[in-house]
Each structure stands twice: as C-alpha cells, then as structure tokens.
C-alpha cells in the first residue's frame, strides 16, 4: 500500500508542475530557463511514477 500512496503523492506533484508550466507559458516574456527546469522536474516525476507502477505490477 505504501507504493500506492507514493504514486499518488508523485502524481499530485506532477499535476502541480503541469499547472506551473501552464502558468509560466501564459506569462508575457516567460522565463525559458524556469520552463526548462519545471519540465525537467515533471519528466523526472513521471519516470519515478512509471518505475513504481512497474514495481507494483510485479
């Protein structure tokens, strides 16, 4: 059950980053460095979620 909780937590953080990326894209003169960092963090979370889902399946 701990894996499920961790997946939910990472999923929530992933959604939060997605919202932050959308907000940054809407800003006039958005910060490309910030966008890249947010996207990198989001990808890292996605990878962690996939690893946990794989572990859960076994």
PDB file of N, CA and C in Angstrom:
ATOM      1  N   UNK A   1       0.812  -1.204   0.000  1.00  0.00           N
ATOM      2  CA  UNK A   1       0.000   0.000   0.000  1.00  0.00           C
ATOM      3  C   UNK A   1       0.850   1.259   0.000  1.00  0.00           C
ATOM      4  N   UNK A   2       2.054   1.178   0.506  1.00  0.00           N
ATOM      5  CA  UNK A   2       2.926   2.338   0.551  1.00  0.00           C
ATOM      6  C   UNK A   2       3.281   2.810  -0.861  1.00  0.00           C
ATOM      7  N   UNK A   3       3.387   1.860  -1.793  1.00  0.00           N
ATOM      8  CA  UNK A   3       3.694   2.227  -3.176  1.00  0.00           C
ATOM      9  C   UNK A   3       2.560   3.055  -3.759  1.00  0.00           C
ATOM     10  N   UNK A   4       1.330   2.650  -3.486  1.00  0.00           N
ATOM     11  CA  UNK A   4       0.168   3.394  -3.991  1.00  0.00           C
ATOM     12  C   UNK A   4       0.159   4.825  -3.467  1.00  0.00           C
ATOM     13  N   UNK A   5       0.458   4.986  -2.200  1.00  0.00           N
ATOM     14  CA  UNK A   5       0.488   6.328  -1.608  1.00  0.00           C
ATOM     15  C   UNK A   5       1.578   7.172  -2.248  1.00  0.00           C
ATOM     16  N   UNK A   6       2.718   6.566  -2.491  1.00  0.00           N
ATOM     17  CA  UNK A   6       3.824   7.295  -3.121  1.00  0.00           C
ATOM     18  C   UNK A   6       3.471   7.690  -4.553  1.00  0.00           C
ATOM     19  N   UNK A   7       2.809   6.792  -5.273  1.00  0.00           N
ATOM     20  CA  UNK A   7       2.382   7.109  -6.636  1.00  0.00           C
ATOM     21  C   UNK A   7       1.402   8.278  -6.624  1.00  0.00           C
ATOM     22  N   UNK A   8       0.464   8.271  -5.681  1.00  0.00           N
ATOM     23  CA  UNK A   8      -0.494   9.383  -5.570  1.00  0.00           C
ATOM     24  C   UNK A   8       0.224  10.697  -5.273  1.00  0.00           C
ATOM     25  N   UNK A   9       1.180  10.643  -4.341  1.00  0.00           N
ATOM     26  CA  UNK A   9       1.928  11.845  -3.978  1.00  0.00           C
ATOM     27  C   UNK A   9       2.701  12.392  -5.185  1.00  0.00           C
ATOM     28  N   UNK A  10       3.381  11.508  -5.889  1.00  0.00           N
ATOM     29  CA  UNK A  10       4.137  11.945  -7.064  1.00  0.00           C
ATOM     30  C   UNK A  10       3.201  12.453  -8.157  1.00  0.00           C
ATOM     31  N   UNK A  11       2.042  11.820  -8.298  1.00  0.00           N
ATOM     32  CA  UNK A  11       1.052  12.272  -9.275  1.00  0.00           C
ATOM     33  C   UNK A  11       0.549  13.670  -8.969  1.00  0.00           C
ATOM     34  N   UNK A  12       0.329  13.932  -7.693  1.00  0.00           N
ATOM     35  CA  UNK A  12      -0.100  15.275  -7.283  1.00  0.00           C
ATOM     36  C   UNK A  12       0.985  16.299  -7.608  1.00  0.00           C
ATOM     37  N   UNK A  13       2.227  15.979  -7.289  1.00  0.00           N
ATOM     38  CA  UNK A  13       3.339  16.892  -7.583  1.00  0.00           C
ATOM     39  C   UNK A  13       3.482  17.090  -9.092  1.00  0.00           C
ATOM     40  N   UNK A  14       3.242  16.036  -9.870  1.00  0.00           N
ATOM     41  CA  UNK A  14       3.310  16.108 -11.333  1.00  0.00           C
ATOM     42  C   UNK A  14       2.256  17.087 -11.847  1.00  0.00           C
ATOM     43  N   UNK A  15       1.037  16.993 -11.309  1.00  0.00           N
ATOM     44  CA  UNK A  15      -0.035  17.904 -11.710  1.00  0.00           C
ATOM     45  C   UNK A  15       0.286  19.345 -11.330  1.00  0.00           C
ATOM     46  N   UNK A  16       0.887  19.524 -10.159  1.00  0.00           N
ATOM     47  CA  UNK A  16       1.264  20.861  -9.700  1.00  0.00           C
ATOM     48  C   UNK A  16       2.287  21.476 -10.646  1.00  0.00           C
ATOM     49  N   UNK A  17       3.254  20.671 -11.062  1.00  0.00           N
ATOM     50  CA  UNK A  17       4.254  21.160 -12.012  1.00  0.00           C
ATOM     51  C   UNK A  17       3.618  21.469 -13.361  1.00  0.00           C
ATOM     52  N   UNK A  18       2.669  20.661 -13.781  1.00  0.00           N
ATOM     53  CA  UNK A  18       1.972  20.900 -15.041  1.00  0.00           C
ATOM     54  C   UNK A  18       1.271  22.257 -15.004  1.00  0.00           C
ATOM     55  N   UNK A  19       0.638  22.545 -13.886  1.00  0.00           N
ATOM     56  CA  UNK A  19      -0.037  23.850 -13.720  1.00  0.00           C
ATOM     57  C   UNK A  19       0.975  24.990 -13.730  1.00  0.00           C
ATOM     58  N   UNK A  20       2.106  24.803 -13.076  1.00  0.00           N
ATOM     59  CA  UNK A  20       3.145  25.832 -13.046  1.00  0.00           C
ATOM     60  C   UNK A  20       3.687  26.090 -14.453  1.00  0.00           C
ATOM     61  N   UNK A  21       3.821  25.033 -15.241  1.00  0.00           N
ATOM     62  CA  UNK A  21       4.292  25.180 -16.627  1.00  0.00           C
ATOM     63  C   UNK A  21       3.270  25.959 -17.444  1.00  0.00           C
ATOM     64  N   UNK A  22       1.995  25.616 -17.292  1.00  0.00           N
ATOM     65  CA  UNK A  22       0.944  26.349 -17.999  1.00  0.00           C
ATOM     66  C   UNK A  22       0.953  27.823 -17.615  1.00  0.00           C
ATOM     67  N   UNK A  23       1.062  28.097 -16.319  1.00  0.00           N
ATOM     68  CA  UNK A  23       1.075  29.486 -15.849  1.00  0.00           C
ATOM     69  C   UNK A  23       2.266  30.248 -16.420  1.00  0.00           C
ATOM     70  N   UNK A  24       3.426  29.609 -16.418  1.00  0.00           N
ATOM     71  CA  UNK A  24       4.634  30.273 -16.939  1.00  0.00           C
ATOM     72  C   UNK A  24       4.496  30.530 -18.444  1.00  0.00           C
ATOM     73  N   UNK A  25       3.894  29.603 -19.170  1.00  0.00           N
ATOM     74  CA  UNK A  25       3.698  29.782 -20.615  1.00  0.00           C
ATOM     75  C   UNK A  25       2.753  30.933 -20.917  1.00  0.00           C
ATOM     76  N   UNK A  26       1.818  31.195 -20.030  1.00  0.00           N
ATOM     77  CA  UNK A  26       0.842  32.271 -20.250  1.00  0.00           C
ATOM     78  C   UNK A  26       1.417  33.654 -19.950  1.00  0.00           C
ATOM     79  N   UNK A  27       2.472  33.680 -19.160  1.00  0.00           N
ATOM     80  CA  UNK A  27       3.070  34.974 -18.806  1.00  0.00           C
ATOM     81  C   UNK A  27       3.730  35.605 -20.026  1.00  0.00           C
ATOM     82  N   UNK A  28       3.497  36.899 -20.224  1.00  0.00           N
ATOM     83  CA  UNK A  28       4.244  37.573 -21.291  1.00  0.00           C
ATOM     84  C   UNK A  28       5.724  37.612 -20.899  1.00  0.00           C
ATOM     85  N   UNK A  29       6.573  37.310 -21.834  1.00  0.00           N
ATOM     86  CA  UNK A  29       8.004  37.308 -21.542  1.00  0.00           C
ATOM     87  C   UNK A  29       8.376  36.201 -20.573  1.00  0.00           C
ATOM     88  N   UNK A  30       7.814  35.010 -20.783  1.00  0.00           N
ATOM     89  CA  UNK A  30       8.069  33.910 -19.854  1.00  0.00           C
ATOM     90  C   UNK A  30       9.563  33.586 -19.769  1.00  0.00           C
ATOM     91  N   UNK A  31       9.933  32.960 -18.688  1.00  0.00           N
ATOM     92  CA  UNK A  31      11.329  32.629 -18.395  1.00  0.00           C
ATOM     93  C   UNK A  31      11.627  31.234 -18.932  1.00  0.00           C
ATOM     94  N   UNK A  32      12.383  31.160 -20.026  1.00  0.00           N
ATOM     95  CA  UNK A  32      12.655  29.869 -20.653  1.00  0.00           C
ATOM     96  C   UNK A  32      13.485  28.961 -19.757  1.00  0.00           C
ATOM     97  N   UNK A  33      14.368  29.524 -18.950  1.00  0.00           N
ATOM     98  CA  UNK A  33      15.155  28.704 -18.033  1.00  0.00           C
ATOM     99  C   UNK A  33      14.255  28.062 -16.975  1.00  0.00           C
ATOM    100  N   UNK A  34      13.324  28.852 -16.460  1.00  0.00           N
ATOM    101  CA  UNK A  34      12.375  28.314 -15.470  1.00  0.00           C
ATOM    102  C   UNK A  34      11.502  27.233 -16.105  1.00  0.00           C
ATOM    103  N   UNK A  35      11.037  27.483 -17.332  1.00  0.00           N
ATOM    104  CA  UNK A  35      10.219  26.495 -18.025  1.00  0.00           C
ATOM    105  C   UNK A  35      10.978  25.181 -18.207  1.00  0.00           C
ATOM    106  N   UNK A  36      12.219  25.275 -18.628  1.00  0.00           N
ATOM    107  CA  UNK A  36      13.027  24.069 -18.819  1.00  0.00           C
ATOM    108  C   UNK A  36      13.216  23.317 -17.518  1.00  0.00           C
ATOM    109  N   UNK A  37      13.446  24.033 -16.435  1.00  0.00           N
ATOM    110  CA  UNK A  37      13.623  23.393 -15.130  1.00  0.00           C
ATOM    111  C   UNK A  37      12.335  22.717 -14.680  1.00  0.00           C
ATOM    112  N   UNK A  38      11.204  23.385 -14.847  1.00  0.00           N
ATOM    113  CA  UNK A  38       9.917  22.799 -14.477  1.00  0.00           C
ATOM    114  C   UNK A  38       9.640  21.535 -15.299  1.00  0.00           C
ATOM    115  N   UNK A  39       9.925  21.595 -16.586  1.00  0.00           N
ATOM    116  CA  UNK A  39       9.703  20.443 -17.454  1.00  0.00           C
ATOM    117  C   UNK A  39      10.631  19.290 -17.082  1.00  0.00           C
ATOM    118  N   UNK A  40      11.862  19.601 -16.710  1.00  0.00           N
ATOM    119  CA  UNK A  40      12.809  18.571 -16.292  1.00  0.00           C
ATOM    120  C   UNK A  40      12.305  17.875 -15.023  1.00  0.00           C
ATOM    121  N   UNK A  41      11.826  18.677 -14.074  1.00  0.00           N
ATOM    122  CA  UNK A  41      11.298  18.119 -12.828  1.00  0.00           C
ATOM    123  C   UNK A  41      10.069  17.246 -13.099  1.00  0.00           C
ATOM    124  N   UNK A  42       9.206  17.712 -13.993  1.00  0.00           N
ATOM    125  CA  UNK A  42       7.995  16.965 -14.323  1.00  0.00           C
ATOM    126  C   UNK A  42       8.354  15.623 -14.965  1.00  0.00           C
ATOM    127  N   UNK A  43       9.323  15.626 -15.866  1.00  0.00           N
ATOM    128  CA  UNK A  43       9.760  14.389 -16.507  1.00  0.00           C
ATOM    129  C   UNK A  43      10.360  13.423 -15.485  1.00  0.00           C
ATOM    130  N   UNK A  44      11.136  13.951 -14.558  1.00  0.00           N
ATOM    131  CA  UNK A  44      11.730  13.112 -13.520  1.00  0.00           C
ATOM    132  C   UNK A  44      10.640  12.447 -12.678  1.00  0.00           C
ATOM    133  N   UNK A  45       9.605  13.207 -12.334  1.00  0.00           N
ATOM    134  CA  UNK A  45       8.489  12.643 -11.566  1.00  0.00           C
ATOM    135  C   UNK A  45       7.770  11.563 -12.363  1.00  0.00           C
ATOM    136  N   UNK A  46       7.562  11.823 -13.650  1.00  0.00           N
ATOM    137  CA  UNK A  46       6.894  10.840 -14.496  1.00  0.00           C
ATOM    138  C   UNK A  46       7.687   9.541 -14.529  1.00  0.00           C
ATOM    139  N   UNK A  47       8.998   9.646 -14.642  1.00  0.00           N
ATOM    140  CA  UNK A  47       9.842   8.455 -14.658  1.00  0.00           C
ATOM    141  C   UNK A  47       9.742   7.698 -13.333  1.00  0.00           C
ATOM    142  N   UNK A  48       9.721   8.426 -12.225  1.00  0.00           N
ATOM    143  CA  UNK A  48       9.607   7.787 -10.915  1.00  0.00           C
ATOM    144  C   UNK A  48       8.268   7.066 -10.781  1.00  0.00           C
ATOM    145  N   UNK A  49       7.212   7.692 -11.273  1.00  0.00           N
ATOM    146  CA  UNK A  49       5.877   7.079 -11.222  1.00  0.00           C
ATOM    147  C   UNK A  49       5.868   5.785 -12.027  1.00  0.00           C
ATOM    148  N   UNK A  50       6.457   5.814 -13.215  1.00  0.00           N
ATOM    149  CA  UNK A  50       6.481   4.620 -14.058  1.00  0.00           C
ATOM    150  C   UNK A  50       7.272   3.484 -13.412  1.00  0.00           C
ATOM    151  N   UNK A  51       8.378   3.807 -12.757  1.00  0.00           N
ATOM    152  CA  UNK A  51       9.170   2.785 -12.064  1.00  0.00           C
ATOM    153  C   UNK A  51       8.326   2.153 -10.957  1.00  0.00           C
ATOM    154  N   UNK A  52       7.636   2.989 -10.188  1.00  0.00           N
ATOM    155  CA  UNK A  52       6.809   2.465  -9.099  1.00  0.00           C
ATOM    156  C   UNK A  52       5.644   1.625  -9.620  1.00  0.00           C
ATOM    157  N   UNK A  53       5.055   2.051 -10.715  1.00  0.00           N
ATOM    158  CA  UNK A  53       3.964   1.273 -11.296  1.00  0.00           C
ATOM    159  C   UNK A  53       4.471  -0.086 -11.765  1.00  0.00           C
ATOM    160  N   UNK A  54       5.681  -0.104 -12.314  1.00  0.00           N
ATOM    161  CA  UNK A  54       6.290  -1.364 -12.725  1.00  0.00           C
ATOM    162  C   UNK A  54       6.557  -2.267 -11.537  1.00  0.00           C
ATOM    163  N   UNK A  55       7.015  -1.695 -10.446  1.00  0.00           N
ATOM    164  CA  UNK A  55       7.298  -2.465  -9.235  1.00  0.00           C
ATOM    165  C   UNK A  55       5.999  -3.006  -8.643  1.00  0.00           C
ATOM    166  N   UNK A  56       4.957  -2.222  -8.728  1.00  0.00           N
ATOM    167  CA  UNK A  56       3.652  -2.633  -8.198  1.00  0.00           C
ATOM    168  C   UNK A  56       3.096  -3.800  -8.988  1.00  0.00           C
ATOM    169  N   UNK A  57       3.351  -3.827 -10.292  1.00  0.00           N
ATOM    170  CA  UNK A  57       2.809  -4.868 -11.157  1.00  0.00           C
ATOM    171  C   UNK A  57       3.458  -6.231 -10.889  1.00  0.00           C
ATOM    172  N   UNK A  58       4.641  -6.216 -10.326  1.00  0.00           N
ATOM    173  CA  UNK A  58       5.346  -7.492 -10.096  1.00  0.00           C
ATOM    174  C   UNK A  58       5.083  -8.025  -8.743  1.00  0.00           C
TER     175      UNK A  58
END
